[in-house]
Amino acid sequence: MRIPQSSPGRLGNARLAIAKANATGERRESVFFNPGGPGDSGVAELGGIPAFKDILLAATGGMYGIISWDPRGAGTLTIPGEIFCFDSVEEYLAFFNGTI
């Protein structure tokens, strides 16, 4: 999420949920894994699905740690919190009524 820098005194705070899988072999560096999306949680995919983590580590020959995160609006990302563009579930349902 872009944090505007036009008002340095009012930037606020940002928190980002991340997960890391350590290299299984001789460690070189770490690579960043973007979970794609929309709505996919990199923390859940990397930290919660052992087979997925193993596939990523194997793809790097075990020499690279894998770091992933939760993009805006997914998983445990906390800035600005859960994104919901409607004041209520009823308003949400009314907006999409008849569109599908």
C-alpha atoms as a PDB file:
ATOM      1  CA  MET A   1       0.000   0.000   0.000  1.00  0.00           C
ATOM      2  CA  ARG A   2       1.406   3.357  -0.984  1.00  0.00           C
ATOM      3  CA  ILE A   3       1.873   5.749   1.917  1.00  0.00           C
ATOM      4  CA  PRO A   4       1.842   9.347   0.620  1.00  0.00           C
ATOM      5  CA  GLN A   5       4.973  11.273   1.499  1.00  0.00           C
ATOM      6  CA  SER A   6       3.621  14.747   0.765  1.00  0.00           C
ATOM      7  CA  SER A   7       2.930  15.347   4.469  1.00  0.00           C
ATOM      8  CA  PRO A   8       5.942  13.895   6.328  1.00  0.00           C
ATOM      9  CA  GLY A   9       4.486  14.696   9.750  1.00  0.00           C
ATOM     10  CA  ARG A  10       1.321  12.741   9.009  1.00  0.00           C
ATOM     11  CA  LEU A  11       2.544   9.492   7.496  1.00  0.00           C
ATOM     12  CA  GLY A  12       1.246   7.295  10.299  1.00  0.00           C
ATOM     13  CA  ASN A  13       2.279   3.712  10.836  1.00  0.00           C
ATOM     14  CA  ALA A  14       2.225   0.636   8.668  1.00  0.00           C
ATOM     15  CA  ARG A  15       2.245  -2.988   9.735  1.00  0.00           C
ATOM     16  CA  LEU A  16       2.780  -5.811   7.310  1.00  0.00           C
ATOM     17  CA  ALA A  17       2.308  -9.515   7.987  1.00  0.00           C
ATOM     18  CA  ILE A  18       5.222 -11.561   6.632  1.00  0.00           C
ATOM     19  CA  ALA A  19       6.363 -15.177   6.686  1.00  0.00           C
ATOM     20  CA  LYS A  20       9.760 -16.689   5.978  1.00  0.00           C
ATOM     21  CA  ALA A  21      10.836 -20.191   5.069  1.00  0.00           C
ATOM     22  CA  ASN A  22      14.522 -20.747   5.737  1.00  0.00           C
ATOM     23  CA  ALA A  23      16.798 -22.256   3.111  1.00  0.00           C
ATOM     24  CA  THR A  24      17.276 -25.983   3.554  1.00  0.00           C
ATOM     25  CA  GLY A  25      20.735 -26.150   1.966  1.00  0.00           C
ATOM     26  CA  GLU A  26      23.731 -23.871   1.750  1.00  0.00           C
ATOM     27  CA  ARG A  27      22.095 -20.477   2.133  1.00  0.00           C
ATOM     28  CA  ARG A  28      22.795 -17.754  -0.399  1.00  0.00           C
ATOM     29  CA  GLU A  29      20.166 -15.057   0.013  1.00  0.00           C
ATOM     30  CA  SER A  30      16.406 -14.747   0.249  1.00  0.00           C
ATOM     31  CA  VAL A  31      13.869 -14.228  -2.513  1.00  0.00           C
ATOM     32  CA  PHE A  32      10.511 -12.516  -2.271  1.00  0.00           C
ATOM     33  CA  PHE A  33       7.416 -14.450  -3.278  1.00  0.00           C
ATOM     34  CA  ASN A  34       4.359 -12.449  -4.333  1.00  0.00           C
ATOM     35  CA  PRO A  35       1.304 -14.626  -3.700  1.00  0.00           C
ATOM     36  CA  GLY A  36      -0.560 -13.176  -6.675  1.00  0.00           C
ATOM     37  CA  GLY A  37      -4.205 -12.602  -6.145  1.00  0.00           C
ATOM     38  CA  PRO A  38      -6.411 -10.953  -5.811  1.00  0.00           C
ATOM     39  CA  GLY A  39      -6.889 -11.783  -2.190  1.00  0.00           C
ATOM     40  CA  ASP A  40      -4.220 -14.451  -1.801  1.00  0.00           C
ATOM     41  CA  SER A  41      -2.324 -14.487   1.481  1.00  0.00           C
ATOM     42  CA  GLY A  42       1.408 -15.053   1.158  1.00  0.00           C
ATOM     43  CA  VAL A  43       1.612 -15.716   4.897  1.00  0.00           C
ATOM     44  CA  ALA A  44      -1.019 -18.465   4.702  1.00  0.00           C
ATOM     45  CA  GLU A  45       0.470 -19.997   1.553  1.00  0.00           C
ATOM     46  CA  LEU A  46       4.036 -20.010   2.816  1.00  0.00           C
ATOM     47  CA  GLY A  47       3.448 -20.563   6.501  1.00  0.00           C
ATOM     48  CA  GLY A  48       0.322 -22.667   6.478  1.00  0.00           C
ATOM     49  CA  ILE A  49       0.676 -25.028   3.531  1.00  0.00           C
ATOM     50  CA  PRO A  50       3.747 -27.239   4.084  1.00  0.00           C
ATOM     51  CA  ALA A  51       3.654 -28.788   0.595  1.00  0.00           C
ATOM     52  CA  PHE A  52       3.608 -25.339  -1.022  1.00  0.00           C
ATOM     53  CA  LYS A  53       6.594 -24.206   1.034  1.00  0.00           C
ATOM     54  CA  ASP A  54       8.458 -27.385   0.084  1.00  0.00           C
ATOM     55  CA  ILE A  55       7.745 -26.800  -3.628  1.00  0.00           C
ATOM     56  CA  LEU A  56       9.119 -23.251  -3.458  1.00  0.00           C
ATOM     57  CA  LEU A  57      12.226 -24.313  -1.547  1.00  0.00           C
ATOM     58  CA  ALA A  58      12.840 -27.160  -3.996  1.00  0.00           C
ATOM     59  CA  ALA A  59      12.497 -24.735  -6.923  1.00  0.00           C
ATOM     60  CA  THR A  60      15.437 -22.758  -5.523  1.00  0.00           C
ATOM     61  CA  GLY A  61      17.514 -25.846  -4.845  1.00  0.00           C
ATOM     62  CA  GLY A  62      17.076 -25.159  -1.146  1.00  0.00           C
ATOM     63  CA  MET A  63      19.697 -22.411  -1.340  1.00  0.00           C
ATOM     64  CA  TYR A  64      17.360 -19.448  -0.944  1.00  0.00           C
ATOM     65  CA  GLY A  65      15.071 -18.486   1.884  1.00  0.00           C
ATOM     66  CA  ILE A  66      11.580 -17.508   0.778  1.00  0.00           C
ATOM     67  CA  ILE A  67       9.909 -14.375   2.162  1.00  0.00           C
ATOM     68  CA  SER A  68       6.257 -13.631   1.499  1.00  0.00           C
ATOM     69  CA  TRP A  69       3.644 -11.176   2.754  1.00  0.00           C
ATOM     70  CA  ASP A  70      -0.047 -10.429   2.747  1.00  0.00           C
ATOM     71  CA  PRO A  71      -0.903  -7.854   0.087  1.00  0.00           C
ATOM     72  CA  ARG A  72      -3.406  -5.089   0.745  1.00  0.00           C
ATOM     73  CA  GLY A  73      -6.799  -6.477   1.678  1.00  0.00           C
ATOM     74  CA  ALA A  74      -5.656 -10.072   2.195  1.00  0.00           C
ATOM     75  CA  GLY A  75      -5.021 -12.243   5.212  1.00  0.00           C
ATOM     76  CA  THR A  76      -3.579 -10.566   8.273  1.00  0.00           C
ATOM     77  CA  LEU A  77      -2.560  -7.278   6.696  1.00  0.00           C
ATOM     78  CA  THR A  78      -3.502  -4.551   9.130  1.00  0.00           C
ATOM     79  CA  ILE A  79      -3.250  -1.319   7.161  1.00  0.00           C
ATOM     80  CA  PRO A  80      -5.795   0.186   6.759  1.00  0.00           C
ATOM     81  CA  GLY A  81      -7.559  -2.835   8.169  1.00  0.00           C
ATOM     82  CA  GLU A  82     -10.074  -4.967   6.380  1.00  0.00           C
ATOM     83  CA  ILE A  83     -11.147  -3.211   3.219  1.00  0.00           C
ATOM     84  CA  PHE A  84     -14.909  -2.943   2.883  1.00  0.00           C
ATOM     85  CA  CYS A  85     -16.375  -0.223   0.684  1.00  0.00           C
ATOM     86  CA  PHE A  86     -19.941  -0.384   2.006  1.00  0.00           C
ATOM     87  CA  ASP A  87     -21.487   0.710   5.293  1.00  0.00           C
ATOM     88  CA  SER A  88     -23.310  -2.592   5.759  1.00  0.00           C
ATOM     89  CA  VAL A  89     -23.728  -6.056   4.308  1.00  0.00           C
ATOM     90  CA  GLU A  90     -27.210  -5.028   3.166  1.00  0.00           C
ATOM     91  CA  GLU A  91     -25.772  -2.110   1.159  1.00  0.00           C
ATOM     92  CA  TYR A  92     -23.217  -4.471  -0.399  1.00  0.00           C
ATOM     93  CA  LEU A  93     -25.895  -6.991  -1.389  1.00  0.00           C
ATOM     94  CA  ALA A  94     -28.160  -4.264  -2.801  1.00  0.00           C
ATOM     95  CA  PHE A  95     -25.307  -2.903  -4.933  1.00  0.00           C
ATOM     96  CA  PHE A  96     -24.647  -6.268  -6.596  1.00  0.00           C
ATOM     97  CA  ASN A  97     -28.280  -7.446  -6.727  1.00  0.00           C
ATOM     98  CA  GLY A  98     -29.106  -8.671 -10.206  1.00  0.00           C
ATOM     99  CA  THR A  99     -25.568  -8.420 -11.553  1.00  0.00           C
ATOM    100  CA  ILE A 100     -24.713 -12.109 -11.500  1.00  0.00           C
END
